[in-house]
């Protein structure tokens, strides 16, 4: 079972995401924020959707960041 983190009295349960799923979502749908929606970051996903991946710059940076993460799973 995942470790619970407490944030201002509310329980916080991080999402567990697969690295390669997030990478391929970013590769093919990064301009639309598909990987952000997968990670549970809805506000950032909408921002990417409206700005075409932060004009492509955020999309490319996210591809590199996802590849640098250790392990096949990570908590968002």
PDB file of N, CA and C in Angstrom:
ATOM      1  N   UNK A   1       0.839  -1.177   0.000  1.00  0.00           N
ATOM      2  CA  UNK A   1       0.000   0.000   0.000  1.00  0.00           C
ATOM      3  C   UNK A   1       0.883   1.239   0.000  1.00  0.00           C
ATOM      4  N   UNK A   2       0.427   2.246  -0.681  1.00  0.00           N
ATOM      5  CA  UNK A   2       1.197   3.481  -0.803  1.00  0.00           C
ATOM      6  C   UNK A   2       1.227   4.237   0.518  1.00  0.00           C
ATOM      7  N   UNK A   3       2.326   4.934   0.710  1.00  0.00           N
ATOM      8  CA  UNK A   3       2.472   5.774   1.893  1.00  0.00           C
ATOM      9  C   UNK A   3       1.569   6.997   1.752  1.00  0.00           C
ATOM     10  N   UNK A   4       0.875   7.337   2.810  1.00  0.00           N
ATOM     11  CA  UNK A   4      -0.013   8.493   2.789  1.00  0.00           C
ATOM     12  C   UNK A   4       0.753   9.743   3.176  1.00  0.00           C
ATOM     13  N   UNK A   5       0.541  10.780   2.419  1.00  0.00           N
ATOM     14  CA  UNK A   5       1.132  12.074   2.740  1.00  0.00           C
ATOM     15  C   UNK A   5       0.014  12.989   3.206  1.00  0.00           C
ATOM     16  N   UNK A   6       0.282  13.755   4.225  1.00  0.00           N
ATOM     17  CA  UNK A   6      -0.732  14.670   4.745  1.00  0.00           C
ATOM     18  C   UNK A   6      -0.428  16.075   4.266  1.00  0.00           C
ATOM     19  N   UNK A   7      -1.436  16.748   3.740  1.00  0.00           N
ATOM     20  CA  UNK A   7      -1.292  18.110   3.262  1.00  0.00           C
ATOM     21  C   UNK A   7      -2.426  18.941   3.832  1.00  0.00           C
ATOM     22  N   UNK A   8      -2.116  19.785   4.793  1.00  0.00           N
ATOM     23  CA  UNK A   8      -3.090  20.689   5.404  1.00  0.00           C
ATOM     24  C   UNK A   8      -4.346  19.968   5.866  1.00  0.00           C
ATOM     25  N   UNK A   9      -4.172  18.806   6.475  1.00  0.00           N
ATOM     26  CA  UNK A   9      -5.293  18.084   7.045  1.00  0.00           C
ATOM     27  C   UNK A   9      -6.050  17.226   6.047  1.00  0.00           C
ATOM     28  N   UNK A  10      -5.707  17.278   4.780  1.00  0.00           N
ATOM     29  CA  UNK A  10      -6.373  16.466   3.773  1.00  0.00           C
ATOM     30  C   UNK A  10      -5.441  15.342   3.348  1.00  0.00           C
ATOM     31  N   UNK A  11      -6.012  14.173   3.115  1.00  0.00           N
ATOM     32  CA  UNK A  11      -5.207  13.048   2.667  1.00  0.00           C
ATOM     33  C   UNK A  11      -4.813  13.265   1.216  1.00  0.00           C
ATOM     34  N   UNK A  12      -3.569  12.959   0.897  1.00  0.00           N
ATOM     35  CA  UNK A  12      -3.055  13.097  -0.459  1.00  0.00           C
ATOM     36  C   UNK A  12      -2.534  11.746  -0.906  1.00  0.00           C
ATOM     37  N   UNK A  13      -3.075  11.236  -1.972  1.00  0.00           N
ATOM     38  CA  UNK A  13      -2.644   9.966  -2.521  1.00  0.00           C
ATOM     39  C   UNK A  13      -2.079  10.214  -3.917  1.00  0.00           C
ATOM     40  N   UNK A  14      -0.761  10.139  -4.092  1.00  0.00           N
ATOM     41  CA  UNK A  14      -0.179  10.393  -5.414  1.00  0.00           C
ATOM     42  C   UNK A  14      -0.587   9.310  -6.404  1.00  0.00           C
ATOM     43  N   UNK A  15      -0.734   9.694  -7.654  1.00  0.00           N
ATOM     44  CA  UNK A  15      -1.058   8.742  -8.698  1.00  0.00           C
ATOM     45  C   UNK A  15       0.204   7.989  -9.093  1.00  0.00           C
ATOM     46  N   UNK A  16       0.046   6.727  -9.402  1.00  0.00           N
ATOM     47  CA  UNK A  16       1.161   5.936  -9.881  1.00  0.00           C
ATOM     48  C   UNK A  16       1.031   5.826 -11.395  1.00  0.00           C
ATOM     49  N   UNK A  17       2.029   6.314 -12.106  1.00  0.00           N
ATOM     50  CA  UNK A  17       1.990   6.336 -13.562  1.00  0.00           C
ATOM     51  C   UNK A  17       3.144   5.525 -14.124  1.00  0.00           C
ATOM     52  N   UNK A  18       2.911   4.923 -15.291  1.00  0.00           N
ATOM     53  CA  UNK A  18       3.975   4.205 -15.971  1.00  0.00           C
ATOM     54  C   UNK A  18       4.762   5.180 -16.833  1.00  0.00           C
ATOM     55  N   UNK A  19       6.071   5.068 -16.740  1.00  0.00           N
ATOM     56  CA  UNK A  19       6.969   5.969 -17.453  1.00  0.00           C
ATOM     57  C   UNK A  19       6.758   5.904 -18.965  1.00  0.00           C
ATOM     58  N   UNK A  20       6.692   4.714 -19.524  1.00  0.00           N
ATOM     59  CA  UNK A  20       6.624   4.573 -20.976  1.00  0.00           C
ATOM     60  C   UNK A  20       5.258   4.950 -21.523  1.00  0.00           C
ATOM     61  N   UNK A  21       4.213   4.743 -20.748  1.00  0.00           N
ATOM     62  CA  UNK A  21       2.887   5.197 -21.176  1.00  0.00           C
ATOM     63  C   UNK A  21       2.873   6.713 -21.252  1.00  0.00           C
ATOM     64  N   UNK A  22       3.410   7.358 -20.223  1.00  0.00           N
ATOM     65  CA  UNK A  22       3.475   8.819 -20.213  1.00  0.00           C
ATOM     66  C   UNK A  22       4.346   9.329 -21.351  1.00  0.00           C
ATOM     67  N   UNK A  23       5.448   8.632 -21.647  1.00  0.00           N
ATOM     68  CA  UNK A  23       6.346   9.067 -22.713  1.00  0.00           C
ATOM     69  C   UNK A  23       5.656   9.022 -24.077  1.00  0.00           C
ATOM     70  N   UNK A  24       4.993   7.907 -24.374  1.00  0.00           N
ATOM     71  CA  UNK A  24       4.354   7.793 -25.682  1.00  0.00           C
ATOM     72  C   UNK A  24       3.138   8.705 -25.807  1.00  0.00           C
ATOM     73  N   UNK A  25       2.433   8.934 -24.702  1.00  0.00           N
ATOM     74  CA  UNK A  25       1.360   9.922 -24.730  1.00  0.00           C
ATOM     75  C   UNK A  25       1.928  11.305 -25.014  1.00  0.00           C
ATOM     76  N   UNK A  26       3.065  11.606 -24.426  1.00  0.00           N
ATOM     77  CA  UNK A  26       3.720  12.896 -24.661  1.00  0.00           C
ATOM     78  C   UNK A  26       4.228  12.988 -26.091  1.00  0.00           C
ATOM     79  N   UNK A  27       4.795  11.921 -26.597  1.00  0.00           N
ATOM     80  CA  UNK A  27       5.358  11.919 -27.940  1.00  0.00           C
ATOM     81  C   UNK A  27       4.291  12.165 -29.006  1.00  0.00           C
ATOM     82  N   UNK A  28       3.149  11.483 -28.879  1.00  0.00           N
ATOM     83  CA  UNK A  28       2.121  11.572 -29.908  1.00  0.00           C
ATOM     84  C   UNK A  28       1.004  12.573 -29.592  1.00  0.00           C
ATOM     85  N   UNK A  29       0.802  12.879 -28.323  1.00  0.00           N
ATOM     86  CA  UNK A  29      -0.276  13.803 -27.967  1.00  0.00           C
ATOM     87  C   UNK A  29       0.157  14.893 -27.017  1.00  0.00           C
ATOM     88  N   UNK A  30       1.459  15.141 -26.980  1.00  0.00           N
ATOM     89  CA  UNK A  30       1.997  16.138 -26.063  1.00  0.00           C
ATOM     90  C   UNK A  30       1.527  17.544 -26.361  1.00  0.00           C
ATOM     91  N   UNK A  31       1.300  17.847 -27.635  1.00  0.00           N
ATOM     92  CA  UNK A  31       0.820  19.181 -28.005  1.00  0.00           C
ATOM     93  C   UNK A  31      -0.565  19.447 -27.412  1.00  0.00           C
ATOM     94  N   UNK A  32      -1.314  18.355 -27.126  1.00  0.00           N
ATOM     95  CA  UNK A  32      -2.652  18.487 -26.562  1.00  0.00           C
ATOM     96  C   UNK A  32      -2.675  18.214 -25.065  1.00  0.00           C
ATOM     97  N   UNK A  33      -1.519  17.928 -24.470  1.00  0.00           N
ATOM     98  CA  UNK A  33      -1.443  17.698 -23.030  1.00  0.00           C
ATOM     99  C   UNK A  33      -1.908  16.330 -22.586  1.00  0.00           C
ATOM    100  N   UNK A  34      -1.897  15.349 -23.482  1.00  0.00           N
ATOM    101  CA  UNK A  34      -2.378  14.004 -23.142  1.00  0.00           C
ATOM    102  C   UNK A  34      -1.628  13.413 -21.951  1.00  0.00           C
ATOM    103  N   UNK A  35      -0.322  13.617 -21.898  1.00  0.00           N
ATOM    104  CA  UNK A  35       0.474  13.071 -20.797  1.00  0.00           C
ATOM    105  C   UNK A  35       0.150  13.775 -19.480  1.00  0.00           C
ATOM    106  N   UNK A  36      -0.206  15.045 -19.521  1.00  0.00           N
ATOM    107  CA  UNK A  36      -0.576  15.771 -18.303  1.00  0.00           C
ATOM    108  C   UNK A  36      -1.908  15.264 -17.753  1.00  0.00           C
ATOM    109  N   UNK A  37      -2.866  14.994 -18.634  1.00  0.00           N
ATOM    110  CA  UNK A  37      -4.137  14.427 -18.195  1.00  0.00           C
ATOM    111  C   UNK A  37      -3.923  13.043 -17.594  1.00  0.00           C
ATOM    112  N   UNK A  38      -3.037  12.246 -18.197  1.00  0.00           N
ATOM    113  CA  UNK A  38      -2.718  10.910 -17.690  1.00  0.00           C
ATOM    114  C   UNK A  38      -2.116  10.986 -16.292  1.00  0.00           C
ATOM    115  N   UNK A  39      -1.281  11.983 -16.033  1.00  0.00           N
ATOM    116  CA  UNK A  39      -0.640  12.149 -14.734  1.00  0.00           C
ATOM    117  C   UNK A  39      -1.567  12.764 -13.701  1.00  0.00           C
ATOM    118  N   UNK A  40      -2.764  13.154 -14.105  1.00  0.00           N
ATOM    119  CA  UNK A  40      -3.723  13.735 -13.171  1.00  0.00           C
ATOM    120  C   UNK A  40      -3.559  15.232 -12.997  1.00  0.00           C
ATOM    121  N   UNK A  41      -2.800  15.862 -13.859  1.00  0.00           N
ATOM    122  CA  UNK A  41      -2.563  17.307 -13.792  1.00  0.00           C
ATOM    123  C   UNK A  41      -3.479  17.994 -14.806  1.00  0.00           C
ATOM    124  N   UNK A  42      -4.754  18.074 -14.449  1.00  0.00           N
ATOM    125  CA  UNK A  42      -5.783  18.552 -15.369  1.00  0.00           C
ATOM    126  C   UNK A  42      -5.568  20.002 -15.787  1.00  0.00           C
ATOM    127  N   UNK A  43      -5.222  20.867 -14.854  1.00  0.00           N
ATOM    128  CA  UNK A  43      -5.038  22.286 -15.180  1.00  0.00           C
ATOM    129  C   UNK A  43      -3.893  22.461 -16.175  1.00  0.00           C
ATOM    130  N   UNK A  44      -2.794  21.745 -15.974  1.00  0.00           N
ATOM    131  CA  UNK A  44      -1.677  21.828 -16.909  1.00  0.00           C
ATOM    132  C   UNK A  44      -2.056  21.221 -18.259  1.00  0.00           C
ATOM    133  N   UNK A  45      -2.862  20.174 -18.247  1.00  0.00           N
ATOM    134  CA  UNK A  45      -3.329  19.566 -19.488  1.00  0.00           C
ATOM    135  C   UNK A  45      -4.155  20.539 -20.309  1.00  0.00           C
ATOM    136  N   UNK A  46      -5.023  21.289 -19.652  1.00  0.00           N
ATOM    137  CA  UNK A  46      -5.832  22.288 -20.345  1.00  0.00           C
ATOM    138  C   UNK A  46      -4.941  23.400 -20.889  1.00  0.00           C
ATOM    139  N   UNK A  47      -3.946  23.817 -20.113  1.00  0.00           N
ATOM    140  CA  UNK A  47      -3.000  24.833 -20.578  1.00  0.00           C
ATOM    141  C   UNK A  47      -2.269  24.357 -21.826  1.00  0.00           C
ATOM    142  N   UNK A  48      -1.797  23.117 -21.827  1.00  0.00           N
ATOM    143  CA  UNK A  48      -1.110  22.559 -22.993  1.00  0.00           C
ATOM    144  C   UNK A  48      -2.066  22.478 -24.185  1.00  0.00           C
ATOM    145  N   UNK A  49      -3.305  22.124 -23.928  1.00  0.00           N
ATOM    146  CA  UNK A  49      -4.293  22.006 -24.993  1.00  0.00           C
ATOM    147  C   UNK A  49      -4.556  23.354 -25.655  1.00  0.00           C
ATOM    148  N   UNK A  50      -4.634  24.400 -24.863  1.00  0.00           N
ATOM    149  CA  UNK A  50      -4.938  25.733 -25.384  1.00  0.00           C
ATOM    150  C   UNK A  50      -3.734  26.416 -26.030  1.00  0.00           C
ATOM    151  N   UNK A  51      -2.509  26.017 -25.647  1.00  0.00           N
ATOM    152  CA  UNK A  51      -1.308  26.680 -26.171  1.00  0.00           C
ATOM    153  C   UNK A  51      -0.468  25.764 -27.051  1.00  0.00           C
ATOM    154  N   UNK A  52      -1.040  24.626 -27.471  1.00  0.00           N
ATOM    155  CA  UNK A  52      -0.331  23.654 -28.303  1.00  0.00           C
ATOM    156  C   UNK A  52       1.006  23.257 -27.680  1.00  0.00           C
ATOM    157  N   UNK A  53       0.949  22.804 -26.441  1.00  0.00           N
ATOM    158  CA  UNK A  53       2.149  22.316 -25.744  1.00  0.00           C
ATOM    159  C   UNK A  53       3.113  23.422 -25.401  1.00  0.00           C
ATOM    160  N   UNK A  54       2.565  24.555 -24.968  1.00  0.00           N
ATOM    161  CA  UNK A  54       3.366  25.742 -24.659  1.00  0.00           C
ATOM    162  C   UNK A  54       4.236  26.112 -25.863  1.00  0.00           C
ATOM    163  N   UNK A  55       3.577  26.159 -27.011  1.00  0.00           N
ATOM    164  CA  UNK A  55       4.201  26.501 -28.298  1.00  0.00           C
ATOM    165  C   UNK A  55       5.301  25.507 -28.700  1.00  0.00           C
ATOM    166  N   UNK A  56       5.158  24.279 -28.259  1.00  0.00           N
ATOM    167  CA  UNK A  56       6.105  23.222 -28.606  1.00  0.00           C
ATOM    168  C   UNK A  56       7.281  23.116 -27.658  1.00  0.00           C
ATOM    169  N   UNK A  57       7.597  24.184 -26.968  1.00  0.00           N
ATOM    170  CA  UNK A  57       8.752  24.166 -26.063  1.00  0.00           C
ATOM    171  C   UNK A  57       8.502  23.269 -24.846  1.00  0.00           C
ATOM    172  N   UNK A  58       7.349  23.398 -24.216  1.00  0.00           N
ATOM    173  CA  UNK A  58       7.012  22.569 -23.060  1.00  0.00           C
ATOM    174  C   UNK A  58       6.922  21.101 -23.429  1.00  0.00           C
ATOM    175  N   UNK A  59       6.433  20.851 -24.622  1.00  0.00           N
ATOM    176  CA  UNK A  59       6.301  19.489 -25.129  1.00  0.00           C
ATOM    177  C   UNK A  59       7.671  18.820 -25.230  1.00  0.00           C
ATOM    178  N   UNK A  60       8.638  19.494 -25.810  1.00  0.00           N
ATOM    179  CA  UNK A  60       9.990  18.942 -25.976  1.00  0.00           C
ATOM    180  C   UNK A  60      10.675  18.762 -24.621  1.00  0.00           C
ATOM    181  N   UNK A  61      10.517  19.721 -23.738  1.00  0.00           N
ATOM    182  CA  UNK A  61      11.114  19.620 -22.400  1.00  0.00           C
ATOM    183  C   UNK A  61      10.522  18.441 -21.648  1.00  0.00           C
ATOM    184  N   UNK A  62       9.203  18.264 -21.733  1.00  0.00           N
ATOM    185  CA  UNK A  62       8.553  17.147 -21.042  1.00  0.00           C
ATOM    186  C   UNK A  62       9.034  15.800 -21.565  1.00  0.00           C
ATOM    187  N   UNK A  63       9.304  15.688 -22.858  1.00  0.00           N
ATOM    188  CA  UNK A  63       9.839  14.435 -23.403  1.00  0.00           C
ATOM    189  C   UNK A  63      11.167  14.076 -22.733  1.00  0.00           C
ATOM    190  N   UNK A  64      12.027  15.063 -22.574  1.00  0.00           N
ATOM    191  CA  UNK A  64      13.326  14.818 -21.940  1.00  0.00           C
ATOM    192  C   UNK A  64      13.177  14.524 -20.448  1.00  0.00           C
ATOM    193  N   UNK A  65      12.284  15.231 -19.769  1.00  0.00           N
ATOM    194  CA  UNK A  65      12.083  15.031 -18.329  1.00  0.00           C
ATOM    195  C   UNK A  65      11.541  13.636 -18.051  1.00  0.00           C
ATOM    196  N   UNK A  66      10.590  13.190 -18.849  1.00  0.00           N
ATOM    197  CA  UNK A  66      10.013  11.856 -18.644  1.00  0.00           C
ATOM    198  C   UNK A  66      11.073  10.783 -18.861  1.00  0.00           C
ATOM    199  N   UNK A  67      11.932  10.946 -19.867  1.00  0.00           N
ATOM    200  CA  UNK A  67      12.989   9.960 -20.118  1.00  0.00           C
ATOM    201  C   UNK A  67      14.004   9.894 -18.979  1.00  0.00           C
ATOM    202  N   UNK A  68      14.204  10.981 -18.278  1.00  0.00           N
ATOM    203  CA  UNK A  68      15.199  11.026 -17.201  1.00  0.00           C
ATOM    204  C   UNK A  68      14.682  10.468 -15.880  1.00  0.00           C
ATOM    205  N   UNK A  69      13.412  10.185 -15.792  1.00  0.00           N
ATOM    206  CA  UNK A  69      12.866   9.628 -14.543  1.00  0.00           C
ATOM    207  C   UNK A  69      13.348   8.210 -14.346  1.00  0.00           C
ATOM    208  N   UNK A  70      13.626   7.890 -13.098  1.00  0.00           N
ATOM    209  CA  UNK A  70      14.128   6.547 -12.774  1.00  0.00           C
ATOM    210  C   UNK A  70      12.972   5.576 -12.616  1.00  0.00           C
ATOM    211  N   UNK A  71      13.171   4.362 -13.023  1.00  0.00           N
ATOM    212  CA  UNK A  71      12.180   3.313 -12.854  1.00  0.00           C
ATOM    213  C   UNK A  71      11.068   3.376 -13.878  1.00  0.00           C
ATOM    214  N   UNK A  72      10.246   2.336 -13.877  1.00  0.00           N
ATOM    215  CA  UNK A  72       9.123   2.262 -14.816  1.00  0.00           C
ATOM    216  C   UNK A  72       7.885   2.955 -14.267  1.00  0.00           C
ATOM    217  N   UNK A  73       7.828   3.159 -12.967  1.00  0.00           N
ATOM    218  CA  UNK A  73       6.679   3.801 -12.346  1.00  0.00           C
ATOM    219  C   UNK A  73       7.160   5.017 -11.576  1.00  0.00           C
ATOM    220  N   UNK A  74       6.326   6.009 -11.487  1.00  0.00           N
ATOM    221  CA  UNK A  74       6.649   7.185 -10.680  1.00  0.00           C
ATOM    222  C   UNK A  74       5.363   7.773 -10.128  1.00  0.00           C
ATOM    223  N   UNK A  75       5.516   8.484  -9.037  1.00  0.00           N
ATOM    224  CA  UNK A  75       4.374   9.147  -8.402  1.00  0.00           C
ATOM    225  C   UNK A  75       4.323  10.586  -8.847  1.00  0.00           C
ATOM    226  N   UNK A  76       3.145  11.043  -9.210  1.00  0.00           N
ATOM    227  CA  UNK A  76       2.993  12.429  -9.638  1.00  0.00           C
ATOM    228  C   UNK A  76       2.636  13.297  -8.466  1.00  0.00           C
TER     229      UNK A  76
END
